[in-house]
Amino acid sequence: MHFEELLKNNRDVFVEELLLEHFSNLIKFVKNRASEDSSSGSKKPITVAEVEPLVKDFASRWKAAIELMHKDVITSFSNFLRGMDILRSALTQLLLYYTRLSDCIKKIAGGSALNKDLASINSIVFEIKKYSMTDFLGH
C-alpha cells in the first residue's frame, strides 16, 4: 500500500512537470487567475487581452505538444503500460486545465470574440482517444 501511494504521488508530480514543460503559461493562468472569485473584487477582472495570447498559443501548437509529450513518455518509461497510463493522466489533466480556461473565457466580457480561436473540447478528447487506442494497439 505504501509503495502504491508513493508511485501515485510521483506519477502526479511527473504529470504536472510534463504539462508545465509544454503548457506552462496556460497552467499558471488557470491556477492563479481562472480560479479567482470574481465577486471578491480584490484583483482586476480578467480581460480578453489577457487570455487571447494563451488561446492563440494553445490553438497553434497543442497537437504538436501532445506528440512531444508522447515521445517524452515513451523514452522515459521502459514499462510501456505504465508510460501509457502516465500519458493518459497527463492528457486528462491537460483537458481539465483547458476546460477551466474555456469556462473562464465564457465569463469574460467580450470573451465570445475568442470562440473562433478556441480549440474544441471534442477535438482534444478525440486526440486523447486516438493516443489511447494507438498505444493500446501497440503502434
N, C-alpha and C. Protein backbone atom coordinates (compact mmCIF):
# COMPACT_ATOMS: atom_id res chain seq x y z
N MET A 1 0.83 -1.19 0.00
CA MET A 1 0.00 0.00 0.00
C MET A 1 0.88 1.26 0.00
N HIS A 2 1.93 1.25 0.82
CA HIS A 2 2.84 2.39 0.92
C HIS A 2 3.49 2.69 -0.43
N PHE A 3 3.94 1.65 -1.13
CA PHE A 3 4.61 1.85 -2.41
C PHE A 3 3.65 2.30 -3.50
N GLU A 4 2.43 1.83 -3.44
CA GLU A 4 1.41 2.29 -4.39
C GLU A 4 1.15 3.78 -4.21
N GLU A 5 1.10 4.23 -2.98
CA GLU A 5 0.90 5.65 -2.69
C GLU A 5 2.09 6.48 -3.19
N LEU A 6 3.31 5.99 -2.97
CA LEU A 6 4.50 6.67 -3.48
C LEU A 6 4.48 6.75 -5.00
N LEU A 7 4.09 5.65 -5.63
CA LEU A 7 4.02 5.62 -7.09
C LEU A 7 3.01 6.65 -7.59
N LYS A 8 1.84 6.69 -6.97
CA LYS A 8 0.81 7.64 -7.38
C LYS A 8 1.29 9.08 -7.21
N ASN A 9 1.90 9.38 -6.07
CA ASN A 9 2.38 10.75 -5.83
C ASN A 9 3.45 11.14 -6.84
N ASN A 10 4.37 10.23 -7.11
CA ASN A 10 5.44 10.54 -8.08
C ASN A 10 4.89 10.64 -9.49
N ARG A 11 3.89 9.82 -9.81
CA ARG A 11 3.25 9.93 -11.13
C ARG A 11 2.59 11.30 -11.27
N ASP A 12 1.91 11.75 -10.24
CA ASP A 12 1.25 13.05 -10.29
C ASP A 12 2.27 14.18 -10.47
N VAL A 13 3.42 14.07 -9.80
CA VAL A 13 4.48 15.07 -9.94
C VAL A 13 5.02 15.04 -11.37
N PHE A 14 5.25 13.85 -11.92
CA PHE A 14 5.76 13.74 -13.29
C PHE A 14 4.76 14.33 -14.28
N VAL A 15 3.49 14.01 -14.11
CA VAL A 15 2.44 14.52 -15.00
C VAL A 15 2.44 16.05 -14.98
N GLU A 16 2.49 16.63 -13.80
CA GLU A 16 2.45 18.09 -13.68
C GLU A 16 3.70 18.71 -14.33
N GLU A 17 4.85 18.12 -14.11
CA GLU A 17 6.09 18.62 -14.72
C GLU A 17 6.05 18.51 -16.24
N LEU A 18 5.52 17.40 -16.74
CA LEU A 18 5.39 17.20 -18.18
C LEU A 18 4.49 18.27 -18.79
N LEU A 19 3.38 18.55 -18.13
CA LEU A 19 2.46 19.59 -18.62
C LEU A 19 3.08 20.98 -18.53
N LEU A 20 3.78 21.25 -17.45
CA LEU A 20 4.42 22.56 -17.29
C LEU A 20 5.46 22.80 -18.38
N GLU A 21 6.14 21.75 -18.79
CA GLU A 21 7.15 21.89 -19.83
C GLU A 21 6.53 22.39 -21.14
N HIS A 22 5.31 21.97 -21.42
CA HIS A 22 4.68 22.28 -22.71
C HIS A 22 3.58 23.34 -22.63
N PHE A 23 2.98 23.49 -21.46
CA PHE A 23 1.83 24.39 -21.34
C PHE A 23 1.92 25.27 -20.09
N SER A 24 3.11 25.77 -19.77
CA SER A 24 3.31 26.48 -18.50
C SER A 24 2.44 27.73 -18.38
N ASN A 25 2.33 28.52 -19.45
CA ASN A 25 1.53 29.75 -19.35
C ASN A 25 0.06 29.46 -19.10
N LEU A 26 -0.46 28.45 -19.78
CA LEU A 26 -1.86 28.05 -19.58
C LEU A 26 -2.08 27.60 -18.14
N ILE A 27 -1.21 26.75 -17.64
CA ILE A 27 -1.37 26.20 -16.29
C ILE A 27 -1.24 27.30 -15.25
N LYS A 28 -0.25 28.17 -15.40
CA LYS A 28 -0.09 29.27 -14.45
C LYS A 28 -1.32 30.17 -14.43
N PHE A 29 -1.86 30.46 -15.61
CA PHE A 29 -3.05 31.30 -15.67
C PHE A 29 -4.22 30.62 -14.96
N VAL A 30 -4.44 29.36 -15.28
CA VAL A 30 -5.58 28.64 -14.69
C VAL A 30 -5.44 28.56 -13.17
N LYS A 31 -4.24 28.27 -12.70
CA LYS A 31 -4.04 28.15 -11.25
C LYS A 31 -4.14 29.50 -10.54
N ASN A 32 -3.64 30.56 -11.18
CA ASN A 32 -3.57 31.85 -10.49
C ASN A 32 -4.76 32.77 -10.75
N ARG A 33 -5.26 32.78 -11.98
CA ARG A 33 -6.29 33.76 -12.34
C ARG A 33 -7.67 33.16 -12.55
N ALA A 34 -7.74 32.03 -13.23
CA ALA A 34 -9.05 31.49 -13.59
C ALA A 34 -9.84 31.03 -12.38
N SER A 35 -9.15 30.72 -11.30
CA SER A 35 -9.87 30.23 -10.12
C SER A 35 -10.23 31.34 -9.14
N GLU A 36 -9.87 32.58 -9.48
CA GLU A 36 -10.21 33.69 -8.60
C GLU A 36 -11.72 33.88 -8.52
N ASP A 37 -12.16 34.24 -7.37
CA ASP A 37 -13.58 34.53 -7.17
C ASP A 37 -13.85 35.94 -7.68
N SER A 38 -14.62 36.03 -8.74
CA SER A 38 -14.88 37.34 -9.35
C SER A 38 -15.68 38.26 -8.43
N SER A 39 -16.39 37.72 -7.48
CA SER A 39 -17.20 38.55 -6.59
C SER A 39 -16.35 39.23 -5.52
N SER A 40 -15.13 38.72 -5.28
CA SER A 40 -14.30 39.31 -4.22
C SER A 40 -13.83 40.70 -4.61
N GLY A 41 -13.60 40.92 -5.90
CA GLY A 41 -13.22 42.24 -6.38
C GLY A 41 -11.83 42.68 -5.96
N SER A 42 -11.04 41.79 -5.37
CA SER A 42 -9.72 42.18 -4.89
C SER A 42 -8.71 42.34 -6.03
N LYS A 43 -8.90 41.65 -7.11
CA LYS A 43 -7.98 41.74 -8.25
C LYS A 43 -8.72 42.34 -9.44
N LYS A 44 -7.93 42.81 -10.39
CA LYS A 44 -8.56 43.36 -11.59
C LYS A 44 -9.22 42.23 -12.38
N PRO A 45 -10.31 42.53 -13.05
CA PRO A 45 -11.01 41.49 -13.80
C PRO A 45 -10.14 40.96 -14.95
N ILE A 46 -10.38 39.71 -15.29
CA ILE A 46 -9.67 39.08 -16.40
C ILE A 46 -10.22 39.68 -17.69
N THR A 47 -9.33 40.02 -18.61
CA THR A 47 -9.73 40.65 -19.86
C THR A 47 -9.43 39.74 -21.05
N VAL A 48 -10.06 40.05 -22.17
CA VAL A 48 -9.80 39.33 -23.41
C VAL A 48 -8.32 39.46 -23.78
N ALA A 49 -7.76 40.65 -23.60
CA ALA A 49 -6.36 40.88 -23.94
C ALA A 49 -5.42 39.99 -23.12
N GLU A 50 -5.84 39.64 -21.90
CA GLU A 50 -5.03 38.79 -21.04
C GLU A 50 -5.05 37.33 -21.50
N VAL A 51 -6.20 36.86 -21.96
CA VAL A 51 -6.31 35.44 -22.32
C VAL A 51 -6.09 35.16 -23.80
N GLU A 52 -6.21 36.16 -24.65
CA GLU A 52 -6.08 35.93 -26.09
C GLU A 52 -4.74 35.28 -26.46
N PRO A 53 -3.59 35.75 -25.92
CA PRO A 53 -2.33 35.08 -26.27
C PRO A 53 -2.30 33.61 -25.86
N LEU A 54 -2.91 33.29 -24.72
CA LEU A 54 -2.96 31.89 -24.26
C LEU A 54 -3.76 31.04 -25.23
N VAL A 55 -4.91 31.55 -25.63
CA VAL A 55 -5.80 30.82 -26.53
C VAL A 55 -5.13 30.59 -27.87
N LYS A 56 -4.52 31.63 -28.41
CA LYS A 56 -3.88 31.50 -29.73
C LYS A 56 -2.66 30.59 -29.68
N ASP A 57 -1.88 30.69 -28.61
CA ASP A 57 -0.72 29.82 -28.45
C ASP A 57 -1.16 28.36 -28.37
N PHE A 58 -2.16 28.09 -27.55
CA PHE A 58 -2.66 26.72 -27.40
C PHE A 58 -3.17 26.21 -28.74
N ALA A 59 -3.98 27.01 -29.42
CA ALA A 59 -4.58 26.57 -30.69
C ALA A 59 -3.51 26.26 -31.74
N SER A 60 -2.40 27.01 -31.71
CA SER A 60 -1.39 26.84 -32.76
C SER A 60 -0.49 25.62 -32.54
N ARG A 61 -0.45 25.10 -31.29
CA ARG A 61 0.55 24.06 -31.08
C ARG A 61 0.15 22.91 -30.17
N TRP A 62 -1.12 22.81 -29.81
CA TRP A 62 -1.48 21.78 -28.85
C TRP A 62 -1.26 20.37 -29.37
N LYS A 63 -1.56 20.12 -30.64
CA LYS A 63 -1.37 18.77 -31.18
C LYS A 63 0.11 18.40 -31.21
N ALA A 64 0.94 19.32 -31.65
CA ALA A 64 2.38 19.06 -31.69
C ALA A 64 2.93 18.85 -30.28
N ALA A 65 2.43 19.60 -29.32
CA ALA A 65 2.89 19.46 -27.93
C ALA A 65 2.48 18.10 -27.37
N ILE A 66 1.30 17.62 -27.72
CA ILE A 66 0.87 16.30 -27.26
C ILE A 66 1.77 15.23 -27.86
N GLU A 67 2.14 15.39 -29.11
CA GLU A 67 3.07 14.44 -29.75
C GLU A 67 4.42 14.44 -29.02
N LEU A 68 4.91 15.62 -28.67
CA LEU A 68 6.17 15.70 -27.92
C LEU A 68 6.05 15.05 -26.54
N MET A 69 4.91 15.26 -25.88
CA MET A 69 4.68 14.62 -24.59
C MET A 69 4.68 13.10 -24.75
N HIS A 70 4.07 12.62 -25.80
CA HIS A 70 4.03 11.19 -26.09
C HIS A 70 5.46 10.64 -26.24
N LYS A 71 6.28 11.35 -27.00
CA LYS A 71 7.68 10.93 -27.18
C LYS A 71 8.44 10.97 -25.87
N ASP A 72 8.22 12.01 -25.07
CA ASP A 72 8.88 12.11 -23.76
C ASP A 72 8.55 10.90 -22.89
N VAL A 73 7.28 10.53 -22.86
CA VAL A 73 6.84 9.42 -22.02
C VAL A 73 7.43 8.10 -22.53
N ILE A 74 7.40 7.90 -23.83
CA ILE A 74 7.92 6.64 -24.38
C ILE A 74 9.41 6.48 -24.07
N THR A 75 10.16 7.59 -24.15
CA THR A 75 11.60 7.48 -23.88
C THR A 75 11.91 7.47 -22.38
N SER A 76 10.99 7.89 -21.55
CA SER A 76 11.23 7.95 -20.10
C SER A 76 10.86 6.67 -19.36
N PHE A 77 9.99 5.86 -19.95
CA PHE A 77 9.50 4.68 -19.23
C PHE A 77 9.68 3.42 -20.07
N SER A 78 10.40 2.48 -19.50
CA SER A 78 10.60 1.22 -20.21
C SER A 78 9.35 0.34 -20.10
N ASN A 79 8.56 0.54 -19.07
CA ASN A 79 7.31 -0.20 -18.92
C ASN A 79 6.24 0.52 -19.75
N PHE A 80 5.91 -0.07 -20.89
CA PHE A 80 5.00 0.55 -21.85
C PHE A 80 3.65 0.89 -21.22
N LEU A 81 3.06 -0.06 -20.50
CA LEU A 81 1.74 0.18 -19.92
C LEU A 81 1.77 1.31 -18.89
N ARG A 82 2.82 1.35 -18.09
CA ARG A 82 2.95 2.42 -17.09
C ARG A 82 3.08 3.77 -17.81
N GLY A 83 3.89 3.79 -18.85
CA GLY A 83 4.06 5.02 -19.62
C GLY A 83 2.76 5.51 -20.22
N MET A 84 1.99 4.60 -20.78
CA MET A 84 0.72 5.00 -21.39
C MET A 84 -0.28 5.46 -20.33
N ASP A 85 -0.22 4.86 -19.16
CA ASP A 85 -1.07 5.31 -18.05
C ASP A 85 -0.71 6.75 -17.67
N ILE A 86 0.57 7.04 -17.65
CA ILE A 86 1.04 8.39 -17.32
C ILE A 86 0.63 9.38 -18.41
N LEU A 87 0.77 8.98 -19.68
CA LEU A 87 0.36 9.87 -20.77
C LEU A 87 -1.13 10.16 -20.70
N ARG A 88 -1.94 9.14 -20.46
CA ARG A 88 -3.39 9.36 -20.33
C ARG A 88 -3.70 10.31 -19.17
N SER A 89 -2.99 10.15 -18.06
CA SER A 89 -3.18 11.05 -16.92
C SER A 89 -2.82 12.48 -17.30
N ALA A 90 -1.72 12.64 -18.02
CA ALA A 90 -1.29 13.97 -18.43
C ALA A 90 -2.29 14.60 -19.39
N LEU A 91 -2.78 13.83 -20.35
CA LEU A 91 -3.73 14.36 -21.32
C LEU A 91 -5.06 14.70 -20.66
N THR A 92 -5.47 13.88 -19.70
CA THR A 92 -6.70 14.16 -18.96
C THR A 92 -6.55 15.44 -18.14
N GLN A 93 -5.40 15.60 -17.50
CA GLN A 93 -5.15 16.81 -16.72
C GLN A 93 -5.10 18.04 -17.64
N LEU A 94 -4.50 17.89 -18.81
CA LEU A 94 -4.47 18.99 -19.78
C LEU A 94 -5.89 19.38 -20.17
N LEU A 95 -6.73 18.39 -20.42
CA LEU A 95 -8.12 18.66 -20.77
C LEU A 95 -8.83 19.42 -19.64
N LEU A 96 -8.55 19.06 -18.40
CA LEU A 96 -9.16 19.77 -17.26
C LEU A 96 -8.68 21.23 -17.21
N TYR A 97 -7.39 21.45 -17.40
CA TYR A 97 -6.88 22.82 -17.42
C TYR A 97 -7.53 23.63 -18.54
N TYR A 98 -7.60 23.04 -19.72
CA TYR A 98 -8.14 23.76 -20.87
C TYR A 98 -9.64 24.03 -20.68
N THR A 99 -10.35 23.09 -20.09
CA THR A 99 -11.77 23.29 -19.81
C THR A 99 -11.96 24.45 -18.84
N ARG A 100 -11.09 24.54 -17.85
CA ARG A 100 -11.18 25.66 -16.90
C ARG A 100 -10.91 26.99 -17.60
N LEU A 101 -9.94 26.99 -18.53
CA LEU A 101 -9.69 28.20 -19.31
C LEU A 101 -10.92 28.58 -20.13
N SER A 102 -11.50 27.59 -20.81
CA SER A 102 -12.69 27.83 -21.63
C SER A 102 -13.85 28.37 -20.79
N ASP A 103 -14.04 27.79 -19.62
CA ASP A 103 -15.11 28.26 -18.73
C ASP A 103 -14.85 29.69 -18.27
N CYS A 104 -13.60 30.01 -18.01
CA CYS A 104 -13.22 31.36 -17.61
C CYS A 104 -13.53 32.36 -18.73
N ILE A 105 -13.22 31.97 -19.96
CA ILE A 105 -13.44 32.86 -21.11
C ILE A 105 -14.93 33.16 -21.28
N LYS A 106 -15.78 32.20 -20.98
CA LYS A 106 -17.23 32.41 -21.09
C LYS A 106 -17.72 33.50 -20.15
N LYS A 107 -16.99 33.72 -19.06
CA LYS A 107 -17.41 34.71 -18.06
C LYS A 107 -16.83 36.10 -18.32
N ILE A 108 -15.91 36.20 -19.28
CA ILE A 108 -15.25 37.48 -19.56
C ILE A 108 -16.13 38.30 -20.50
N ALA A 109 -16.24 39.58 -20.20
CA ALA A 109 -16.96 40.48 -21.11
C ALA A 109 -16.23 40.49 -22.44
N GLY A 110 -16.93 40.18 -23.51
CA GLY A 110 -16.32 40.13 -24.83
C GLY A 110 -15.56 38.85 -25.12
N GLY A 111 -15.61 37.90 -24.22
CA GLY A 111 -14.89 36.64 -24.39
C GLY A 111 -15.32 35.84 -25.60
N SER A 112 -16.57 36.04 -26.05
CA SER A 112 -17.07 35.29 -27.21
C SER A 112 -16.27 35.61 -28.47
N ALA A 113 -15.55 36.72 -28.47
CA ALA A 113 -14.70 37.07 -29.63
C ALA A 113 -13.58 36.05 -29.82
N LEU A 114 -13.26 35.30 -28.77
CA LEU A 114 -12.18 34.31 -28.85
C LEU A 114 -12.67 32.94 -29.30
N ASN A 115 -13.97 32.77 -29.44
CA ASN A 115 -14.51 31.46 -29.82
C ASN A 115 -13.88 30.90 -31.08
N LYS A 116 -13.59 31.79 -32.04
CA LYS A 116 -13.02 31.32 -33.31
C LYS A 116 -11.62 30.74 -33.12
N ASP A 117 -10.94 31.14 -32.07
CA ASP A 117 -9.58 30.68 -31.82
C ASP A 117 -9.50 29.49 -30.85
N LEU A 118 -10.59 29.23 -30.15
CA LEU A 118 -10.57 28.14 -29.17
C LEU A 118 -10.54 26.77 -29.87
N ALA A 119 -9.64 25.92 -29.42
CA ALA A 119 -9.67 24.53 -29.87
C ALA A 119 -10.89 23.90 -29.20
N SER A 120 -11.62 23.08 -29.93
CA SER A 120 -12.82 22.50 -29.33
C SER A 120 -12.44 21.39 -28.36
N ILE A 121 -13.21 21.32 -27.29
CA ILE A 121 -13.01 20.27 -26.29
C ILE A 121 -13.12 18.90 -26.97
N ASN A 122 -14.06 18.77 -27.91
CA ASN A 122 -14.24 17.50 -28.61
C ASN A 122 -12.99 17.11 -29.40
N SER A 123 -12.31 18.08 -29.99
CA SER A 123 -11.08 17.79 -30.73
C SER A 123 -10.00 17.25 -29.79
N ILE A 124 -9.92 17.84 -28.61
CA ILE A 124 -8.92 17.40 -27.63
C ILE A 124 -9.26 16.00 -27.15
N VAL A 125 -10.53 15.76 -26.85
CA VAL A 125 -10.96 14.43 -26.41
C VAL A 125 -10.67 13.41 -27.51
N PHE A 126 -10.95 13.76 -28.76
CA PHE A 126 -10.67 12.86 -29.88
C PHE A 126 -9.18 12.51 -29.93
N GLU A 127 -8.33 13.51 -29.74
CA GLU A 127 -6.88 13.27 -29.78
C GLU A 127 -6.46 12.37 -28.63
N ILE A 128 -7.03 12.58 -27.46
CA ILE A 128 -6.72 11.72 -26.31
C ILE A 128 -7.11 10.28 -26.62
N LYS A 129 -8.30 10.10 -27.17
CA LYS A 129 -8.76 8.75 -27.51
C LYS A 129 -7.87 8.13 -28.58
N LYS A 130 -7.44 8.94 -29.53
CA LYS A 130 -6.58 8.44 -30.59
C LYS A 130 -5.27 7.91 -30.01
N TYR A 131 -4.68 8.66 -29.10
CA TYR A 131 -3.44 8.20 -28.47
C TYR A 131 -3.68 6.96 -27.63
N SER A 132 -4.79 6.93 -26.93
CA SER A 132 -5.10 5.77 -26.09
C SER A 132 -5.28 4.53 -26.94
N MET A 133 -6.00 4.66 -28.04
CA MET A 133 -6.23 3.50 -28.91
C MET A 133 -4.96 3.07 -29.62
N THR A 134 -4.21 4.03 -30.15
CA THR A 134 -2.98 3.71 -30.87
C THR A 134 -2.01 3.00 -29.95
N ASP A 135 -1.86 3.53 -28.74
CA ASP A 135 -0.92 2.94 -27.82
C ASP A 135 -1.40 1.60 -27.30
N PHE A 136 -2.70 1.46 -27.15
CA PHE A 136 -3.26 0.19 -26.72
C PHE A 136 -2.98 -0.89 -27.76
N LEU A 137 -3.04 -0.50 -29.02
CA LEU A 137 -2.81 -1.44 -30.10
C LEU A 137 -1.31 -1.66 -30.35
N GLY A 138 -0.48 -0.88 -29.65
CA GLY A 138 0.95 -1.09 -29.74
C GLY A 138 1.62 -0.40 -30.90
N HIS A 139 1.04 0.69 -31.40
CA HIS A 139 1.65 1.42 -32.51
C HIS A 139 2.28 2.68 -32.04
